[in-house]
Every structure is written in C-alpha cells, then in structure tokens.
Amino acid sequence: MARNAPPNIVLLMADQLTPMALPFYGHPIVRAPALSRLASQGMVFDAAYCNSPICAPSRFSMLSGRLPHAIGAYDNACDFPSEIPTMAHYLRPSGYRTILAGKMHFVGPDQMHGFDERLTTDIYPADFLWVPDWSRGPEYRPTGVGMGHVVDAGPCIRNMQIDYDEEVAHVAVQKVYDLARARTEPFFLVASFTHPHPPFVAREEEWNLYDGEEMDAPRVPEIPYEALDPHSRWLYVAHGQDRHTVTADHVRTARRAYYAMVSYVDAKVGAVLDALERAGLGRDAYVVFCSDHGEMLGERGMWYKQTFFESSVRVPLVVR
C-alpha cells in the first residue's frame, strides 16, 4: 500500500457468539486458534455490548450508528429503510469498494444498503414472513425458536447453516485474491457467518474436539419460574421452556455442540485471514472481529438471546 493511502478494512462477524465462550476472554475449554491469534495481534475490548440482543436490530444499529428505536428496528421482522445511511454509504464517497459476503439479515426490498457488491444471498427471508401476529393471544410464541434445539443437540453430518458458511468462506477468500489482483482502490470487505447460531448441532470434526465429560456447567444455576422477572418469564414461555424438561445431560450436550460450532466458525474466519496474508493484504488491512449479540447458553436456566443479561448482550470485539 502506498504511503498515506486509505487502509483496507475487513469486518469479520459471527452470529450469536458470546465472548464467554472464547479462550482469549478466559474460557478454559474452547478451541479457537485463528481468533486467538488475531486477538494476540490486536486489541481485545473487554466490555463491548450490542445495542439490541437480537439479530436484525443489532446489525441495523451497528451499520447505521443509530440506536434501534431511532430507526424502527424492534425485531427480526422490521424492515431496514433505504434512506438510512450505513457505514458502506459513508465509505463509498471516500473511494472505498464495499463488498458484503454472508448474513446481514436485511428485511425489505433493499438488500444492498450501500454495498457495491453482495457475494451471497442472505440465509433468512427478506420479506415480512416473521411479522408477529399478536392477536393470537397469550399462547402465541413469536420468537421463532424453541427448546427443541437444546434437547435435540448433538453431532450432525450437514445442515443448512454449514452449507451457508461454507459458501460465505469460499466467496470471501476468492474475493480477497480478486482484490489483490486488482489493487485499484481501497476496499471494505464484510464476511459474516451464521455460526454458532442454534440449532446446537456440529460436524463430527469439531464435535470430537471436545469431551462431553469436561463440559463446564453454567456459572449461574437455573432460577425457578416463580422467581423470574416479568421479561424472563415471557421468554420462558416464548422459548417453549414450559414444554420441555431440560436435564443436566441436555445442558452439557448443547454446550458441547455450541463450543464445536465456535471452533467451526473460527476455522472459517481463519481461512479469510490466511487469504489476506497470502495475498499480501494482511499487514496493511484493518481487521475487526465481532458478533451481533451473545447467547445465554443455560445461564440462569435461559437460552438464546433477547435479554439484557450479560451473556446475551455482551459481544466479542477485536481490532487489529
């Protein structure tokens, strides 16, 4: 890169990754060598939080630099209006080529939001299929997830999320080499993966990295329903915890699958980082790694997100 030239910027994202499940935030079991190497070379932020612990609002807020309520981003069914400028819009007049690979959970007709190129489709529907129907009464469970992900956790051969992240890693790596050949302008490249978002299933390669007997238990034990705050009670029902009995074995198996998914996404991030180094772009690029929100992972007896307890709202953030 020429002296005083704008730096290339690479944003690497995971989905539903709590920092409590990463070795450089102190976890003693999880294996994430690529991210650990990135952390050792950069700055690890120990108190980073998302503005809304649910996928679409968090991402809309991050891209626009505005709070969710200011842009109408209340849930995963709200559209992201085209008139709201994003970081991609701001970078383009500065000469940046803006490129998106992977998940960003855009809802509505605009699937670009300032990016010059989008290398993959999204993994979730872009229409308004997930708009809640609150008229259906108290038995309606609009969160879209249930405890079946926990009680059915385990190894798998293949699923849609693996298919998707394989594609995201492939096109992101190829784009790095294409950009290295061109060398005509600074670029902003986003590679956004869907792991370790539930379901709690993982390939046997990563599943076998962990021993079920070594699994750590949640630090805060389950809290009885009667002792929960009103919002946690709502989530208890919305997530279907009243329909399942979650045993200690279920918790260990789900946590093992989650850790395996962390190792999986670590390898995908590592592939992009390796391509940057091989293409000669790594030294001068600003690399940022983060997640859109966290995962409760059994803390307080709670799972998934949508709460402002620490494991749900805190995110990993590394800048090199």
Protein backbone atom coordinates (compact mmCIF):
# COMPACT_ATOMS: atom_id res chain seq x y z
CA MET A 1 0.00 0.00 0.00
CA ALA A 2 1.26 3.45 -0.90
CA ARG A 3 2.15 5.81 1.91
CA ASN A 4 -0.89 7.76 3.17
CA ALA A 5 -3.27 5.58 1.12
CA PRO A 6 -6.58 4.75 2.85
CA PRO A 7 -6.34 1.39 4.64
CA ASN A 8 -8.29 -1.64 3.52
CA ILE A 9 -10.90 -2.68 6.11
CA VAL A 10 -12.12 -6.22 6.78
CA LEU A 11 -15.06 -6.85 9.11
CA LEU A 12 -15.47 -10.47 10.20
CA MET A 13 -18.70 -11.36 12.01
CA ALA A 14 -20.08 -14.37 13.84
CA ASP A 15 -23.71 -14.79 14.86
CA GLN A 16 -24.85 -15.33 18.47
CA LEU A 17 -21.30 -15.69 19.81
CA THR A 18 -20.89 -14.80 23.47
CA PRO A 19 -17.38 -13.71 24.48
CA MET A 20 -17.67 -16.03 27.49
CA ALA A 21 -17.12 -18.92 25.05
CA LEU A 22 -13.77 -17.70 23.68
CA PRO A 23 -10.32 -18.58 25.04
CA PHE A 24 -8.97 -15.02 24.93
CA TYR A 25 -11.88 -13.96 27.14
CA GLY A 26 -10.90 -16.64 29.63
CA HIS A 27 -12.74 -19.78 28.60
CA PRO A 28 -10.60 -22.81 29.56
CA ILE A 29 -12.02 -25.38 27.12
CA VAL A 30 -12.99 -23.77 23.81
CA ARG A 31 -10.50 -24.09 20.95
CA ALA A 32 -10.35 -21.08 18.63
CA PRO A 33 -6.75 -20.80 17.36
CA ALA A 34 -7.37 -18.37 14.48
CA LEU A 35 -9.29 -15.87 16.59
CA SER A 36 -6.82 -16.27 19.45
CA ARG A 37 -4.00 -15.40 17.06
CA LEU A 38 -5.91 -12.35 15.82
CA ALA A 39 -6.54 -11.31 19.44
CA SER A 40 -2.85 -11.62 20.28
CA GLN A 41 -2.00 -9.28 17.40
CA GLY A 42 -4.68 -6.68 18.12
CA MET A 43 -6.76 -5.06 20.80
CA VAL A 44 -9.36 -7.11 22.69
CA PHE A 45 -12.21 -4.98 24.03
CA ASP A 46 -13.43 -6.41 27.33
CA ALA A 47 -16.70 -4.50 27.66
CA ALA A 48 -18.32 -4.37 24.21
CA TYR A 49 -22.11 -4.57 24.04
CA CYS A 50 -24.64 -4.68 21.23
CA ASN A 51 -27.50 -2.18 21.19
CA SER A 52 -30.19 -4.85 20.87
CA PRO A 53 -29.63 -8.54 21.63
CA ILE A 54 -31.40 -9.89 18.55
CA CYS A 55 -30.06 -10.31 15.02
CA ALA A 56 -31.62 -7.73 12.72
CA PRO A 57 -31.94 -4.76 15.11
CA SER A 58 -28.37 -5.25 16.31
CA ARG A 59 -27.00 -5.30 12.78
CA PHE A 60 -29.09 -2.35 11.61
CA SER A 61 -27.88 -0.35 14.61
CA MET A 62 -24.24 -1.29 14.02
CA LEU A 63 -24.32 -0.44 10.30
CA SER A 64 -26.14 2.87 10.75
CA GLY A 65 -24.55 4.01 14.01
CA ARG A 66 -28.02 4.76 15.39
CA LEU A 67 -30.00 3.28 18.26
CA PRO A 68 -32.63 0.69 17.28
CA HIS A 69 -35.62 2.76 18.42
CA ALA A 70 -34.45 5.68 16.27
CA ILE A 71 -34.68 3.59 13.09
CA GLY A 72 -37.68 1.43 13.99
CA ALA A 73 -35.59 -1.74 14.42
CA TYR A 74 -37.64 -3.56 17.05
CA ASP A 75 -37.44 -7.20 15.97
CA ASN A 76 -36.34 -9.53 13.17
CA ALA A 77 -39.40 -8.65 11.08
CA CYS A 78 -38.80 -4.86 10.87
CA ASP A 79 -37.55 -3.52 7.59
CA PHE A 80 -34.35 -1.50 7.29
CA PRO A 81 -35.34 1.65 5.34
CA SER A 82 -33.19 2.51 2.34
CA GLU A 83 -32.98 6.20 3.30
CA ILE A 84 -30.91 5.43 6.41
CA PRO A 85 -27.20 5.73 5.51
CA THR A 86 -24.85 2.95 6.59
CA MET A 87 -21.10 2.75 7.04
CA ALA A 88 -20.93 1.42 3.48
CA HIS A 89 -22.64 4.56 2.19
CA TYR A 90 -20.12 6.73 4.03
CA LEU A 91 -17.10 4.77 2.79
CA ARG A 92 -18.02 4.83 -0.90
CA PRO A 93 -17.51 8.63 -1.39
CA SER A 94 -14.07 8.15 0.20
CA GLY A 95 -13.12 5.85 -2.64
CA TYR A 96 -13.86 2.50 -0.99
CA ARG A 97 -15.17 -0.50 -2.86
CA THR A 98 -17.73 -2.01 -0.46
CA ILE A 99 -18.38 -5.75 -0.53
CA LEU A 100 -20.64 -7.98 1.58
CA ALA A 101 -20.43 -11.76 1.87
CA GLY A 102 -22.82 -13.58 4.17
CA LYS A 103 -25.56 -12.80 6.63
CA MET A 104 -26.73 -9.30 7.44
CA HIS A 105 -30.44 -10.04 7.96
CA PHE A 106 -31.71 -7.17 5.80
CA VAL A 107 -35.52 -7.12 5.81
CA GLY A 108 -37.27 -5.30 2.97
CA PRO A 109 -36.63 -4.65 -0.71
CA ASP A 110 -33.17 -3.13 -0.26
CA GLN A 111 -30.67 -5.97 0.11
CA MET A 112 -27.58 -3.84 -0.50
CA HIS A 113 -27.70 -0.81 1.85
CA GLY A 114 -24.67 0.91 0.38
CA PHE A 115 -22.61 -2.13 -0.63
CA ASP A 116 -21.35 -2.17 -4.20
CA GLU A 117 -21.38 -5.97 -4.29
CA ARG A 118 -23.14 -8.72 -2.41
CA LEU A 119 -21.48 -12.10 -2.95
CA THR A 120 -24.18 -14.31 -1.41
CA THR A 121 -27.85 -14.18 -0.63
CA ASP A 122 -28.93 -13.93 3.00
CA ILE A 123 -29.75 -17.05 4.99
CA TYR A 124 -33.10 -15.75 6.29
CA PRO A 125 -36.15 -14.44 4.43
CA ALA A 126 -36.03 -10.82 3.28
CA ASP A 127 -39.81 -10.43 3.25
CA PHE A 128 -42.17 -9.89 6.18
CA LEU A 129 -42.81 -13.56 6.90
CA TRP A 130 -41.74 -13.14 10.54
CA VAL A 131 -44.08 -10.26 11.46
CA PRO A 132 -45.71 -11.32 14.77
CA ASP A 133 -49.46 -11.78 14.96
CA TRP A 134 -50.13 -10.54 18.48
CA SER A 135 -53.88 -11.07 18.04
CA ARG A 136 -53.37 -14.81 18.56
CA GLY A 137 -53.27 -14.39 22.32
CA PRO A 138 -51.01 -15.49 25.18
CA GLU A 139 -50.30 -18.95 23.77
CA TYR A 140 -48.66 -17.42 20.70
CA ARG A 141 -44.88 -17.86 20.72
CA PRO A 142 -43.42 -15.33 18.25
CA THR A 143 -39.69 -15.79 18.89
CA GLY A 144 -39.19 -18.43 16.20
CA VAL A 145 -37.04 -20.66 18.42
CA GLY A 146 -37.83 -23.39 20.90
CA MET A 147 -36.14 -25.68 23.36
CA GLY A 148 -36.07 -28.44 20.77
CA HIS A 149 -32.68 -27.04 19.77
CA VAL A 150 -31.41 -27.81 23.26
CA VAL A 151 -32.92 -31.23 23.85
CA ASP A 152 -32.02 -32.42 20.32
CA ALA A 153 -28.42 -31.11 20.37
CA GLY A 154 -25.59 -33.24 19.09
CA PRO A 155 -23.35 -34.02 16.09
CA CYS A 156 -24.57 -33.87 12.50
CA ILE A 157 -23.26 -34.57 9.03
CA ARG A 158 -24.57 -31.44 7.33
CA ASN A 159 -27.23 -28.77 7.74
CA MET A 160 -28.28 -25.53 6.10
CA GLN A 161 -26.04 -23.38 8.31
CA ILE A 162 -22.95 -25.40 7.40
CA ASP A 163 -23.86 -25.15 3.71
CA TYR A 164 -24.22 -21.41 4.07
CA ASP A 165 -20.98 -20.72 5.92
CA GLU A 166 -19.02 -22.94 3.53
CA GLU A 167 -20.24 -20.69 0.71
CA VAL A 168 -19.52 -17.48 2.63
CA ALA A 169 -15.94 -18.55 3.37
CA HIS A 170 -15.36 -19.68 -0.22
CA VAL A 171 -16.56 -16.47 -1.88
CA ALA A 172 -14.84 -14.24 0.71
CA VAL A 173 -11.49 -15.97 0.18
CA GLN A 174 -11.86 -15.77 -3.59
CA LYS A 175 -12.76 -12.08 -3.38
CA VAL A 176 -9.59 -11.40 -1.34
CA TYR A 177 -7.50 -12.85 -4.16
CA ASP A 178 -9.51 -10.92 -6.77
CA LEU A 179 -8.93 -7.68 -4.85
CA ALA A 180 -5.22 -8.43 -4.57
CA ARG A 181 -5.02 -8.80 -8.35
CA ALA A 182 -6.88 -5.55 -8.99
CA ARG A 183 -5.14 -3.28 -6.44
CA THR A 184 -7.04 -0.30 -7.81
CA GLU A 185 -8.82 1.07 -4.76
CA PRO A 186 -9.20 0.57 -1.02
CA PHE A 187 -11.87 -1.94 -0.07
CA PHE A 188 -14.27 -2.60 2.78
CA LEU A 189 -14.98 -6.33 2.89
CA VAL A 190 -17.53 -7.88 5.26
CA ALA A 191 -17.57 -11.66 5.77
CA SER A 192 -20.47 -12.52 8.08
CA PHE A 193 -21.05 -16.11 9.19
CA THR A 194 -24.17 -17.66 10.73
CA HIS A 195 -22.37 -19.93 13.25
CA PRO A 196 -22.60 -20.50 16.21
CA HIS A 197 -26.30 -19.61 15.97
CA PRO A 198 -28.54 -22.53 17.04
CA PRO A 199 -29.59 -25.26 16.30
CA PHE A 200 -26.99 -26.78 18.61
CA VAL A 201 -25.52 -29.23 16.12
CA ALA A 202 -21.98 -29.50 14.78
CA ARG A 203 -19.91 -31.53 12.36
CA GLU A 204 -18.20 -34.54 13.86
CA GLU A 205 -14.78 -32.98 13.10
CA GLU A 206 -15.47 -30.18 15.59
CA TRP A 207 -17.71 -32.23 17.89
CA ASN A 208 -14.85 -34.65 18.50
CA LEU A 209 -12.56 -31.83 19.64
CA TYR A 210 -14.45 -31.88 22.93
CA ASP A 211 -15.08 -34.44 25.62
CA GLY A 212 -18.60 -34.46 27.00
CA GLU A 213 -17.30 -35.17 30.49
CA GLU A 214 -15.17 -32.00 30.55
CA MET A 215 -18.08 -29.65 29.81
CA ASP A 216 -18.36 -26.76 32.22
CA ALA A 217 -21.74 -26.02 33.77
CA PRO A 218 -23.43 -22.62 33.64
CA ARG A 219 -22.00 -20.30 36.28
CA VAL A 220 -25.46 -19.18 37.44
CA PRO A 221 -27.85 -22.10 38.06
CA GLU A 222 -31.43 -22.23 36.85
CA ILE A 223 -33.79 -19.82 38.58
CA PRO A 224 -37.33 -21.08 39.32
CA TYR A 225 -40.06 -19.61 37.14
CA GLU A 226 -41.77 -18.01 40.15
CA ALA A 227 -38.59 -16.08 40.99
CA LEU A 228 -38.01 -14.72 37.48
CA ASP A 229 -38.55 -11.10 36.47
CA PRO A 230 -41.52 -10.46 34.13
CA HIS A 231 -39.47 -10.32 30.94
CA SER A 232 -37.62 -13.54 31.75
CA ARG A 233 -40.99 -15.21 32.41
CA TRP A 234 -42.18 -14.10 28.98
CA LEU A 235 -39.07 -15.55 27.36
CA TYR A 236 -39.52 -18.78 29.33
CA VAL A 237 -42.89 -19.29 27.66
CA ALA A 238 -41.93 -17.78 24.30
CA HIS A 239 -38.95 -20.14 24.03
CA GLY A 240 -41.11 -23.11 24.96
CA GLN A 241 -39.37 -24.00 28.21
CA ASP A 242 -42.75 -24.91 29.66
CA ARG A 243 -43.00 -27.67 27.06
CA HIS A 244 -39.68 -29.42 27.72
CA THR A 245 -37.76 -30.82 30.64
CA VAL A 246 -34.12 -29.79 30.17
CA THR A 247 -31.80 -32.16 32.04
CA ALA A 248 -28.17 -31.69 33.04
CA ASP A 249 -27.23 -34.01 30.18
CA HIS A 250 -29.12 -31.81 27.73
CA VAL A 251 -27.23 -28.77 29.00
CA ARG A 252 -23.83 -30.48 28.65
CA THR A 253 -24.62 -31.72 25.14
CA ALA A 254 -25.92 -28.35 23.94
CA ARG A 255 -22.87 -26.55 25.34
CA ARG A 256 -20.57 -29.09 23.69
CA ALA A 257 -22.28 -28.51 20.35
CA TYR A 258 -22.02 -24.75 20.81
CA TYR A 259 -18.31 -24.93 21.56
CA ALA A 260 -17.85 -27.12 18.49
CA MET A 261 -19.67 -24.52 16.39
CA VAL A 262 -17.35 -21.85 17.77
CA SER A 263 -14.39 -23.94 16.60
CA TYR A 264 -16.06 -24.31 13.21
CA VAL A 265 -16.57 -20.58 12.67
CA ASP A 266 -13.04 -19.98 13.95
CA ALA A 267 -11.74 -22.09 11.06
CA LYS A 268 -13.82 -20.10 8.57
CA VAL A 269 -12.52 -16.80 9.93
CA GLY A 270 -9.03 -18.28 9.80
CA ALA A 271 -9.44 -19.08 6.10
CA VAL A 272 -10.19 -15.42 5.32
CA LEU A 273 -7.29 -14.22 7.47
CA ASP A 274 -4.93 -16.70 5.78
CA ALA A 275 -6.03 -15.46 2.36
CA LEU A 276 -5.28 -11.87 3.39
CA GLU A 277 -1.77 -12.87 4.44
CA ARG A 278 -1.06 -14.94 1.33
CA ALA A 279 -2.36 -12.18 -0.92
CA GLY A 280 -0.11 -9.62 0.74
CA LEU A 281 -3.02 -7.61 2.12
CA GLY A 282 -2.89 -8.59 5.78
CA ARG A 283 -0.24 -6.20 7.06
CA ASP A 284 -1.96 -3.01 5.92
CA ALA A 285 -5.59 -4.04 6.45
CA TYR A 286 -7.61 -3.03 9.48
CA VAL A 287 -9.31 -6.23 10.66
CA VAL A 288 -12.30 -6.14 13.02
CA PHE A 289 -13.99 -9.20 14.52
CA CYS A 290 -17.30 -9.08 16.37
CA SER A 291 -20.67 -10.74 16.85
CA ASP A 292 -24.18 -9.32 16.59
CA HIS A 293 -25.12 -10.48 20.12
CA GLY A 294 -24.42 -13.26 22.57
CA GLU A 295 -26.02 -16.49 23.79
CA MET A 296 -27.29 -17.29 27.29
CA LEU A 297 -26.21 -20.95 26.94
CA GLY A 298 -28.05 -22.13 30.03
CA GLU A 299 -27.07 -19.29 32.37
CA ARG A 300 -29.92 -18.69 34.85
CA GLY A 301 -31.63 -21.59 33.05
CA MET A 302 -32.06 -19.31 30.00
CA TRP A 303 -31.14 -19.92 26.36
CA TYR A 304 -30.71 -17.92 23.19
CA LYS A 305 -30.84 -14.10 23.40
CA GLN A 306 -33.45 -11.28 23.61
CA THR A 307 -32.46 -10.37 27.15
CA PHE A 308 -30.03 -7.79 28.55
CA PHE A 309 -28.27 -10.22 30.84
CA GLU A 310 -24.53 -10.31 30.23
CA SER A 311 -24.21 -13.49 28.17
CA SER A 312 -26.88 -12.27 25.73
CA VAL A 313 -25.98 -8.61 25.25
CA ARG A 314 -22.17 -8.64 25.55
CA VAL A 315 -20.19 -9.32 22.36
CA PRO A 316 -16.60 -10.10 21.46
CA LEU A 317 -14.73 -7.26 19.79
CA VAL A 318 -11.18 -7.47 18.44
CA VAL A 319 -9.48 -4.81 16.32
CA ARG A 320 -6.12 -5.38 14.67
